Amino acid sequence: MRSEGTRFAGRGTAVLGGPGAADIRRVIDLRGDDPLGLGDHPRVRRAAGEAAERYGTSARAGDEPPGALGVRLERTLAELLGGERTFLFGSGSEAARAAVIGSATRSTLVAIDERASSGLADGARASGAEILGYRHLDVGQLATALRSARRRNVVIATDSVFASTGASAPLSALSAVAERTGARLVIDESEAIGVRSSGGRGLAAEAGIAAGPKVALTGSLGGALGSQGGFACASGSMLAAIAERTAWSTERPAPPACGAALAALGLLADSPGLLSALERNAGALRDALADQGFEVDDDGGHVVSVGAGDSRRAAALAERALSAGVAIEALWAPFAAARSSRVRLRARASHRTDELCSAARILGQAAREVGIIGPVAGRLASQPSARAA
């Protein structure tokens, strides 16, 4: 979470400050939700301002006439994701929630990864369907459970890239299970849209999966696109079912958000170097953390998650890192598994290699001080925990 008094300064840093000028200092920001820096890009900011000037700021102002910003953005996203149609939502979470609700009925079995996004989980609960949670990334367990269940009406719901762990879902294997069982597949691409596959089309595109009659792709217009709102992309019939069951209680993104997202998508098409820089920096961050003794996944994405023991250690690591000039996020249940907390880092295209190496050294020292890695591990084990995991 962003602490009070935080102002983001672009180029991978943040400015933290209190009421006085003497309190202001700059830190290396590894928390940001704008990995490509598009939210601060002049072309994106200009597009948002022009949209506000032409259409106003009401959430419905950009919908009419046909060809206005909301419609243009829906068509652009449908083309990007290979779907027939796209609908816009007020947030990525609302889009994921609606896609699950619209794909399920009370006779449906919703099979969902235990680390799935809150939007997918909320949709499963709100649908009234029976819920089957399967172990994180465990396609084998999912396939076995579905064979035992012998249900004809199944929805499989998963993130493509998990915000809590940084792990990529085995989408090809999940798609194969869906095809064998006749299940519909709902994939939340919020952490992958804009940063995975050519042109930022997401992880599903890497796996050869397109939106269609049995596949709904959802995502956020925030994050890598630097805007606000969410979307669901699928076939016309699948989106009609989503519309019917969710009653469209959500607000759509306002014209400035639509204008910004369209400009960001255009920049992704025109600037392939942005994705290359992000991939390079994510690799540099992983290597630097591994050199410090952290156990780091080799997933390759820009979200890097490392184990931090219990919640007290995770919080202590985040606090010590911040005092030394590095801002990170500590995660504990329900975002991390019970009794196992993590810290989440996000590389950005604008980070410099020396910044990332410096941040890793600071994190390594802080982790050794609180007993997460190194020779002092276990030093805090006998002390009472200040926060339940």
Protein backbone atom coordinates (compact mmCIF):
# COMPACT_ATOMS: atom_id res chain seq x y z
CA MET A 1 0.00 0.00 0.00
CA ARG A 2 1.15 3.55 -0.60
CA SER A 3 2.03 5.29 2.62
CA GLU A 4 0.65 8.71 3.47
CA GLY A 5 2.89 11.46 2.21
CA THR A 6 4.12 9.52 -0.82
CA ARG A 7 4.43 11.30 -4.16
CA PHE A 8 5.62 9.33 -7.17
CA ALA A 9 8.35 11.06 -9.13
CA GLY A 10 8.69 8.79 -12.17
CA ARG A 11 11.88 7.05 -13.33
CA GLY A 12 11.53 4.34 -10.69
CA THR A 13 11.67 6.60 -7.64
CA ALA A 14 9.22 8.04 -5.15
CA VAL A 15 9.37 11.16 -3.00
CA LEU A 16 8.39 10.64 0.64
CA GLY A 17 7.66 13.67 2.73
CA GLY A 18 6.04 15.17 5.75
CA PRO A 19 4.85 18.74 6.25
CA GLY A 20 8.32 20.27 6.21
CA ALA A 21 10.87 20.48 3.41
CA ALA A 22 13.45 18.79 5.65
CA ASP A 23 11.24 15.67 5.76
CA ILE A 24 11.32 15.13 1.99
CA ARG A 25 13.55 12.39 0.61
CA ARG A 26 13.74 10.24 -2.49
CA VAL A 27 13.64 6.45 -2.38
CA ILE A 28 13.98 3.65 -4.94
CA ASP A 29 10.39 2.60 -5.59
CA LEU A 30 9.82 -1.15 -6.08
CA ARG A 31 6.07 -0.97 -5.39
CA GLY A 32 4.71 0.92 -8.37
CA ASP A 33 1.76 -0.27 -10.46
CA ASP A 34 3.02 1.55 -13.58
CA PRO A 35 5.92 -0.66 -14.75
CA LEU A 36 6.32 1.03 -18.14
CA GLY A 37 5.88 4.58 -16.87
CA LEU A 38 3.03 5.20 -19.32
CA GLY A 39 0.88 6.94 -16.72
CA ASP A 40 3.37 9.79 -16.71
CA HIS A 41 4.16 9.77 -20.43
CA PRO A 42 3.47 13.15 -22.12
CA ARG A 43 1.48 11.52 -24.92
CA VAL A 44 -0.77 9.71 -22.43
CA ARG A 45 -1.25 12.78 -20.25
CA ARG A 46 -2.05 14.89 -23.29
CA ALA A 47 -4.62 12.35 -24.52
CA ALA A 48 -6.34 12.34 -21.10
CA GLY A 49 -6.53 16.14 -21.09
CA GLU A 50 -7.87 16.33 -24.63
CA ALA A 51 -10.54 13.73 -23.80
CA ALA A 52 -11.66 15.71 -20.78
CA GLU A 53 -11.83 18.88 -22.84
CA ARG A 54 -13.84 17.29 -25.66
CA TYR A 55 -16.11 14.85 -23.82
CA GLY A 56 -16.14 15.98 -20.19
CA THR A 57 -15.43 13.85 -17.15
CA SER A 58 -18.70 11.92 -16.64
CA ALA A 59 -18.34 8.16 -16.83
CA ARG A 60 -20.98 8.01 -19.58
CA ALA A 61 -19.79 11.03 -21.56
CA GLY A 62 -17.46 9.10 -23.87
CA ASP A 63 -19.96 6.48 -25.07
CA GLU A 64 -21.84 8.41 -27.72
CA PRO A 65 -21.82 8.82 -30.63
CA PRO A 66 -20.45 5.51 -31.96
CA GLY A 67 -16.75 5.91 -32.54
CA ALA A 68 -16.32 7.95 -29.37
CA LEU A 69 -13.65 6.99 -26.88
CA GLY A 70 -15.36 4.16 -24.99
CA VAL A 71 -16.38 2.38 -28.19
CA ARG A 72 -12.96 2.91 -29.77
CA LEU A 73 -11.21 1.51 -26.72
CA GLU A 74 -13.45 -1.57 -26.67
CA ARG A 75 -12.72 -2.24 -30.34
CA THR A 76 -8.98 -1.72 -29.88
CA LEU A 77 -8.86 -4.16 -26.96
CA ALA A 78 -10.91 -6.75 -28.85
CA GLU A 79 -8.45 -6.59 -31.76
CA LEU A 80 -5.48 -6.82 -29.38
CA LEU A 81 -6.86 -9.87 -27.55
CA GLY A 82 -8.39 -11.67 -30.51
CA GLY A 83 -11.94 -11.50 -29.18
CA GLU A 84 -15.20 -10.62 -30.84
CA ARG A 85 -16.20 -7.93 -28.35
CA THR A 86 -15.00 -6.13 -25.23
CA PHE A 87 -16.94 -4.42 -22.45
CA LEU A 88 -15.44 -1.80 -20.14
CA PHE A 89 -15.79 -1.72 -16.36
CA GLY A 90 -14.88 0.64 -13.57
CA SER A 91 -11.95 -1.53 -12.48
CA GLY A 92 -10.13 -4.73 -13.33
CA SER A 93 -11.54 -6.39 -10.22
CA GLU A 94 -15.10 -5.58 -11.30
CA ALA A 95 -14.41 -7.00 -14.75
CA ALA A 96 -13.06 -10.27 -13.31
CA ARG A 97 -15.97 -10.55 -10.89
CA ALA A 98 -18.52 -9.98 -13.65
CA ALA A 99 -16.86 -12.50 -15.99
CA VAL A 100 -17.13 -15.29 -13.41
CA ILE A 101 -20.70 -14.40 -12.46
CA GLY A 102 -21.72 -14.25 -16.11
CA SER A 103 -20.08 -17.60 -16.89
CA ALA A 104 -21.61 -19.53 -13.99
CA THR A 105 -24.99 -20.53 -12.64
CA ARG A 106 -26.01 -22.29 -9.43
CA SER A 107 -25.48 -25.61 -11.18
CA THR A 108 -21.92 -24.70 -12.16
CA LEU A 109 -18.72 -25.88 -10.52
CA VAL A 110 -16.22 -23.00 -10.39
CA ALA A 111 -12.65 -24.33 -10.09
CA ILE A 112 -10.35 -21.54 -8.93
CA ASP A 113 -6.66 -21.26 -8.08
CA GLU A 114 -6.22 -20.68 -4.34
CA ARG A 115 -4.16 -17.54 -5.03
CA ALA A 116 -6.56 -16.07 -7.58
CA SER A 117 -7.29 -12.35 -7.60
CA SER A 118 -9.97 -10.92 -5.33
CA GLY A 119 -12.14 -10.15 -8.35
CA LEU A 120 -12.22 -13.77 -9.48
CA ALA A 121 -12.78 -15.02 -5.92
CA ASP A 122 -15.59 -12.52 -5.30
CA GLY A 123 -17.23 -13.52 -8.56
CA ALA A 124 -17.11 -17.21 -7.65
CA ARG A 125 -18.79 -16.51 -4.31
CA ALA A 126 -21.38 -14.13 -5.76
CA SER A 127 -22.33 -16.55 -8.56
CA GLY A 128 -23.95 -19.00 -6.12
CA ALA A 129 -22.04 -21.84 -7.79
CA GLU A 130 -20.22 -24.63 -6.02
CA ILE A 131 -16.56 -23.65 -5.59
CA LEU A 132 -13.59 -25.97 -5.95
CA GLY A 133 -10.29 -24.40 -4.87
CA TYR A 134 -7.18 -26.09 -6.21
CA ARG A 135 -3.58 -25.72 -5.08
CA HIS A 136 -1.66 -22.82 -6.54
CA LEU A 137 -0.57 -23.68 -10.12
CA ASP A 138 -1.35 -27.40 -9.58
CA VAL A 139 -2.98 -28.44 -12.85
CA GLY A 140 -2.65 -32.12 -11.94
CA GLN A 141 -4.75 -31.71 -8.82
CA LEU A 142 -7.31 -29.69 -10.78
CA ALA A 143 -7.60 -32.36 -13.50
CA THR A 144 -8.00 -35.13 -10.91
CA ALA A 145 -10.67 -33.17 -9.00
CA LEU A 146 -12.64 -32.46 -12.18
CA ARG A 147 -12.56 -36.13 -13.18
CA SER A 148 -13.90 -37.05 -9.75
CA ALA A 149 -16.58 -34.36 -9.84
CA ARG A 150 -17.95 -35.51 -13.22
CA ARG A 151 -19.67 -32.19 -13.79
CA ARG A 152 -20.75 -30.98 -17.21
CA ASN A 153 -20.96 -27.29 -16.31
CA VAL A 154 -17.52 -26.10 -15.19
CA VAL A 155 -15.72 -22.75 -15.10
CA ILE A 156 -11.95 -22.61 -14.50
CA ALA A 157 -10.82 -19.25 -13.12
CA THR A 158 -7.20 -18.16 -12.81
CA ASP A 159 -4.90 -15.17 -12.97
CA SER A 160 -2.36 -15.30 -15.79
CA VAL A 161 0.30 -13.66 -13.61
CA PHE A 162 -0.38 -13.77 -9.87
CA ALA A 163 0.06 -10.49 -8.04
CA SER A 164 0.94 -12.21 -4.75
CA THR A 165 3.68 -14.51 -6.06
CA GLY A 166 4.68 -13.16 -9.46
CA ALA A 167 4.20 -16.67 -10.84
CA SER A 168 2.81 -17.29 -14.32
CA ALA A 169 -0.10 -19.69 -14.60
CA PRO A 170 0.42 -22.77 -16.81
CA LEU A 171 -2.18 -21.50 -19.24
CA SER A 172 -1.51 -24.06 -21.99
CA ALA A 173 -2.08 -26.91 -19.53
CA LEU A 174 -5.18 -25.23 -18.09
CA SER A 175 -6.55 -24.69 -21.59
CA ALA A 176 -6.01 -28.39 -22.36
CA VAL A 177 -7.94 -29.36 -19.20
CA ALA A 178 -10.73 -26.97 -20.19
CA GLU A 179 -10.94 -28.50 -23.66
CA ARG A 180 -11.07 -32.07 -22.30
CA THR A 181 -13.79 -31.25 -19.79
CA GLY A 182 -15.75 -28.74 -21.88
CA ALA A 183 -15.10 -26.07 -19.23
CA ARG A 184 -15.20 -22.33 -19.79
CA LEU A 185 -11.99 -20.49 -18.93
CA VAL A 186 -11.85 -17.07 -17.24
CA ILE A 187 -8.35 -15.55 -17.14
CA ASP A 188 -7.52 -12.35 -15.27
CA GLU A 189 -4.71 -10.65 -17.23
CA SER A 190 -4.40 -7.61 -14.96
CA GLU A 191 -0.72 -8.22 -14.19
CA ALA A 192 0.16 -9.29 -17.74
CA ILE A 193 -1.66 -6.92 -20.08
CA GLY A 194 0.78 -4.43 -21.50
CA VAL A 195 3.91 -6.28 -20.32
CA ARG A 196 3.74 -9.82 -21.73
CA SER A 197 3.83 -11.00 -25.36
CA SER A 198 4.46 -8.78 -28.38
CA GLY A 199 2.59 -5.51 -28.18
CA GLY A 200 1.67 -6.21 -24.56
CA ARG A 201 -1.13 -8.62 -25.50
CA GLY A 202 -0.78 -10.59 -22.26
CA LEU A 203 0.24 -14.07 -21.20
CA ALA A 204 -2.73 -15.78 -22.85
CA ALA A 205 -1.42 -14.64 -26.23
CA GLU A 206 1.95 -16.25 -25.44
CA ALA A 207 0.08 -19.51 -24.85
CA GLY A 208 -1.90 -19.14 -28.08
CA ILE A 209 -5.18 -18.53 -26.23
CA ALA A 210 -7.60 -15.95 -27.60
CA ALA A 211 -10.87 -14.67 -26.19
CA GLY A 212 -13.82 -16.59 -27.61
CA PRO A 213 -17.04 -18.51 -26.93
CA LYS A 214 -15.49 -20.42 -24.02
CA VAL A 215 -12.69 -18.05 -23.00
CA ALA A 216 -13.09 -14.70 -21.27
CA LEU A 217 -10.02 -12.51 -20.79
CA THR A 218 -10.27 -9.74 -18.21
CA GLY A 219 -7.81 -7.11 -17.10
CA SER A 220 -7.05 -3.69 -15.74
CA LEU A 221 -6.54 -0.43 -17.60
CA GLY A 222 -4.41 0.63 -14.65
CA GLY A 223 -1.09 -1.07 -14.06
CA ALA A 224 0.98 -1.17 -17.24
CA LEU A 225 -1.49 0.95 -19.22
CA GLY A 226 -1.22 3.76 -16.70
CA SER A 227 -4.93 4.58 -16.73
CA GLN A 228 -8.03 3.52 -14.78
CA GLY A 229 -10.78 0.95 -15.33
CA GLY A 230 -11.09 -2.63 -16.49
CA PHE A 231 -12.32 -4.79 -19.35
CA ALA A 232 -13.71 -8.20 -20.25
CA CYS A 233 -13.13 -9.62 -23.72
CA ALA A 234 -14.93 -12.68 -25.13
CA SER A 235 -17.40 -13.71 -27.79
CA GLY A 236 -20.58 -11.72 -28.23
CA SER A 237 -22.69 -14.53 -26.75
CA MET A 238 -20.47 -14.89 -23.69
CA LEU A 239 -20.48 -11.14 -23.07
CA ALA A 240 -24.26 -11.08 -23.49
CA ALA A 241 -24.51 -13.64 -20.67
CA ILE A 242 -22.19 -11.53 -18.54
CA ALA A 243 -24.33 -8.47 -19.21
CA GLU A 244 -27.55 -10.32 -18.38
CA ARG A 245 -26.29 -11.69 -15.06
CA THR A 246 -24.42 -8.66 -13.76
CA ALA A 247 -27.00 -6.01 -14.68
CA TRP A 248 -24.25 -3.51 -15.41
CA SER A 249 -24.23 -1.93 -11.97
CA THR A 250 -20.67 -0.69 -12.49
CA GLU A 251 -19.59 2.66 -13.86
CA ARG A 252 -17.51 2.65 -17.01
CA PRO A 253 -14.18 4.49 -17.21
CA ALA A 254 -14.55 8.23 -17.81
CA PRO A 255 -13.32 9.75 -21.09
CA PRO A 256 -9.93 10.88 -19.69
CA ALA A 257 -9.22 7.28 -18.64
CA CYS A 258 -10.31 5.94 -22.05
CA GLY A 259 -8.19 8.52 -23.87
CA ALA A 260 -5.18 7.68 -21.71
CA ALA A 261 -5.59 3.93 -22.26
CA LEU A 262 -5.88 4.36 -26.04
CA ALA A 263 -2.72 6.46 -26.08
CA ALA A 264 -0.91 3.89 -23.93
CA LEU A 265 -1.89 1.07 -26.29
CA GLY A 266 -0.60 3.12 -29.19
CA LEU A 267 2.71 3.66 -27.41
CA LEU A 268 3.05 -0.08 -26.80
CA ALA A 269 2.69 -0.68 -30.54
CA ASP A 270 5.16 2.09 -31.40
CA SER A 271 7.75 1.48 -28.64
CA PRO A 272 8.80 -2.19 -28.39
CA GLY A 273 11.91 -1.03 -26.51
CA LEU A 274 9.77 -0.39 -23.43
CA LEU A 275 9.05 -4.08 -22.98
CA SER A 276 12.68 -4.98 -23.63
CA ALA A 277 13.83 -2.52 -20.95
CA LEU A 278 11.33 -3.92 -18.46
CA GLU A 279 12.39 -7.51 -19.16
CA ARG A 280 16.06 -6.55 -18.81
CA ASN A 281 15.47 -4.79 -15.50
CA ALA A 282 13.38 -7.65 -14.11
CA GLY A 283 16.25 -10.01 -14.87
CA ALA A 284 18.78 -7.65 -13.26
CA LEU A 285 16.65 -7.39 -10.12
CA ARG A 286 16.32 -11.17 -9.84
CA ASP A 287 20.06 -11.68 -10.30
CA ALA A 288 20.91 -9.02 -7.72
CA LEU A 289 18.49 -10.50 -5.17
CA ALA A 290 19.87 -14.01 -5.75
CA ASP A 291 23.40 -12.67 -5.17
CA GLN A 292 22.20 -11.46 -1.76
CA GLY A 293 20.97 -14.93 -0.79
CA PHE A 294 17.27 -14.59 -1.52
CA GLU A 295 15.45 -17.54 -3.09
CA VAL A 296 14.10 -15.99 -6.28
CA ASP A 297 11.80 -17.55 -8.86
CA ASP A 298 12.95 -17.73 -12.47
CA ASP A 299 9.60 -16.77 -13.96
CA GLY A 300 11.03 -13.76 -15.75
CA GLY A 301 8.12 -11.34 -15.23
CA HIS A 302 8.37 -7.89 -13.68
CA VAL A 303 6.67 -8.95 -10.42
CA VAL A 304 9.23 -10.55 -8.08
CA SER A 305 8.06 -12.18 -4.85
CA VAL A 306 10.38 -13.59 -2.18
CA GLY A 307 9.59 -15.42 1.04
CA ALA A 308 9.88 -13.42 4.27
CA GLY A 309 8.95 -15.92 6.97
CA ASP A 310 6.20 -14.74 9.30
CA SER A 311 4.33 -11.45 9.04
CA ARG A 312 6.47 -9.79 11.70
CA ARG A 313 9.63 -10.37 9.69
CA ALA A 314 7.96 -9.21 6.47
CA ALA A 315 6.81 -5.98 8.10
CA ALA A 316 10.19 -5.43 9.72
CA LEU A 317 11.95 -5.96 6.39
CA ALA A 318 9.70 -3.42 4.66
CA GLU A 319 10.24 -0.87 7.44
CA ARG A 320 14.03 -1.25 7.51
CA ALA A 321 14.25 -1.14 3.74
CA LEU A 322 12.21 2.07 3.62
CA SER A 323 14.37 3.73 6.26
CA ALA A 324 17.40 2.86 4.10
CA GLY A 325 15.83 4.21 0.90
CA VAL A 326 13.93 1.32 -0.74
CA ALA A 327 10.13 1.06 -0.86
CA ILE A 328 8.64 -2.47 -1.09
CA GLU A 329 5.35 -4.19 -0.26
CA ALA A 330 4.93 -6.76 2.51
CA LEU A 331 2.18 -9.35 1.98
CA TRP A 332 0.57 -11.64 4.54
CA ALA A 333 -2.61 -13.71 4.65
CA PRO A 334 -4.88 -13.72 2.71
CA PHE A 335 -2.52 -12.34 0.01
CA ALA A 336 0.13 -14.87 0.99
CA ALA A 337 -0.42 -18.35 2.35
CA ALA A 338 -1.19 -18.58 6.05
CA ARG A 339 1.96 -18.67 8.23
CA SER A 340 4.07 -17.67 5.21
CA SER A 341 4.49 -13.98 4.40
CA ARG A 342 6.23 -12.51 1.39
CA VAL A 343 7.56 -9.25 0.07
CA ARG A 344 6.63 -8.16 -3.43
CA LEU A 345 8.87 -6.12 -5.69
CA ARG A 346 8.01 -4.67 -9.09
CA ALA A 347 10.68 -3.79 -11.63
CA ARG A 348 10.06 -0.83 -13.90
CA ALA A 349 11.38 0.00 -17.34
CA SER A 350 12.73 3.29 -15.98
CA HIS A 351 14.90 1.74 -13.26
CA ARG A 352 18.66 1.94 -13.72
CA THR A 353 20.74 -1.19 -13.16
CA ASP A 354 22.75 0.52 -10.43
CA GLU A 355 19.51 1.43 -8.63
CA LEU A 356 18.35 -2.18 -8.67
CA CYS A 357 21.70 -3.50 -7.45
CA SER A 358 21.74 -0.91 -4.67
CA ALA A 359 18.18 -1.82 -3.69
CA ALA A 360 19.08 -5.52 -3.57
CA ARG A 361 22.07 -4.81 -1.29
CA ILE A 362 19.86 -2.79 1.07
CA LEU A 363 17.23 -5.54 1.11
CA GLY A 364 19.86 -8.20 1.72
CA GLN A 365 21.28 -6.31 4.70
CA ALA A 366 17.79 -5.69 6.11
CA ALA A 367 16.82 -9.35 5.59
CA ARG A 368 19.89 -10.50 7.50
CA GLU A 369 19.17 -8.08 10.32
CA VAL A 370 15.63 -9.40 10.84
CA GLY A 371 16.58 -13.06 10.42
CA ILE A 372 15.11 -13.87 7.00
CA ILE A 373 18.38 -14.87 5.34
CA GLY A 374 21.99 -15.28 6.37
CA PRO A 375 23.73 -16.40 9.56
CA VAL A 376 21.32 -14.63 11.91
CA ALA A 377 18.27 -16.58 10.63
CA GLY A 378 15.96 -17.54 13.47
CA ARG A 379 17.06 -14.69 15.75
CA LEU A 380 13.48 -13.48 16.13
CA ALA A 381 11.91 -16.91 16.48
CA SER A 382 11.55 -16.70 20.24
CA GLN A 383 10.03 -13.21 20.19
CA PRO A 384 6.23 -12.81 20.10
CA SER A 385 4.65 -11.89 16.81
CA ALA A 386 3.13 -8.41 16.64
CA ARG A 387 0.69 -9.36 13.88
CA ALA A 388 -1.08 -12.67 13.23
CA ALA A 389 -0.04 -14.28 9.99
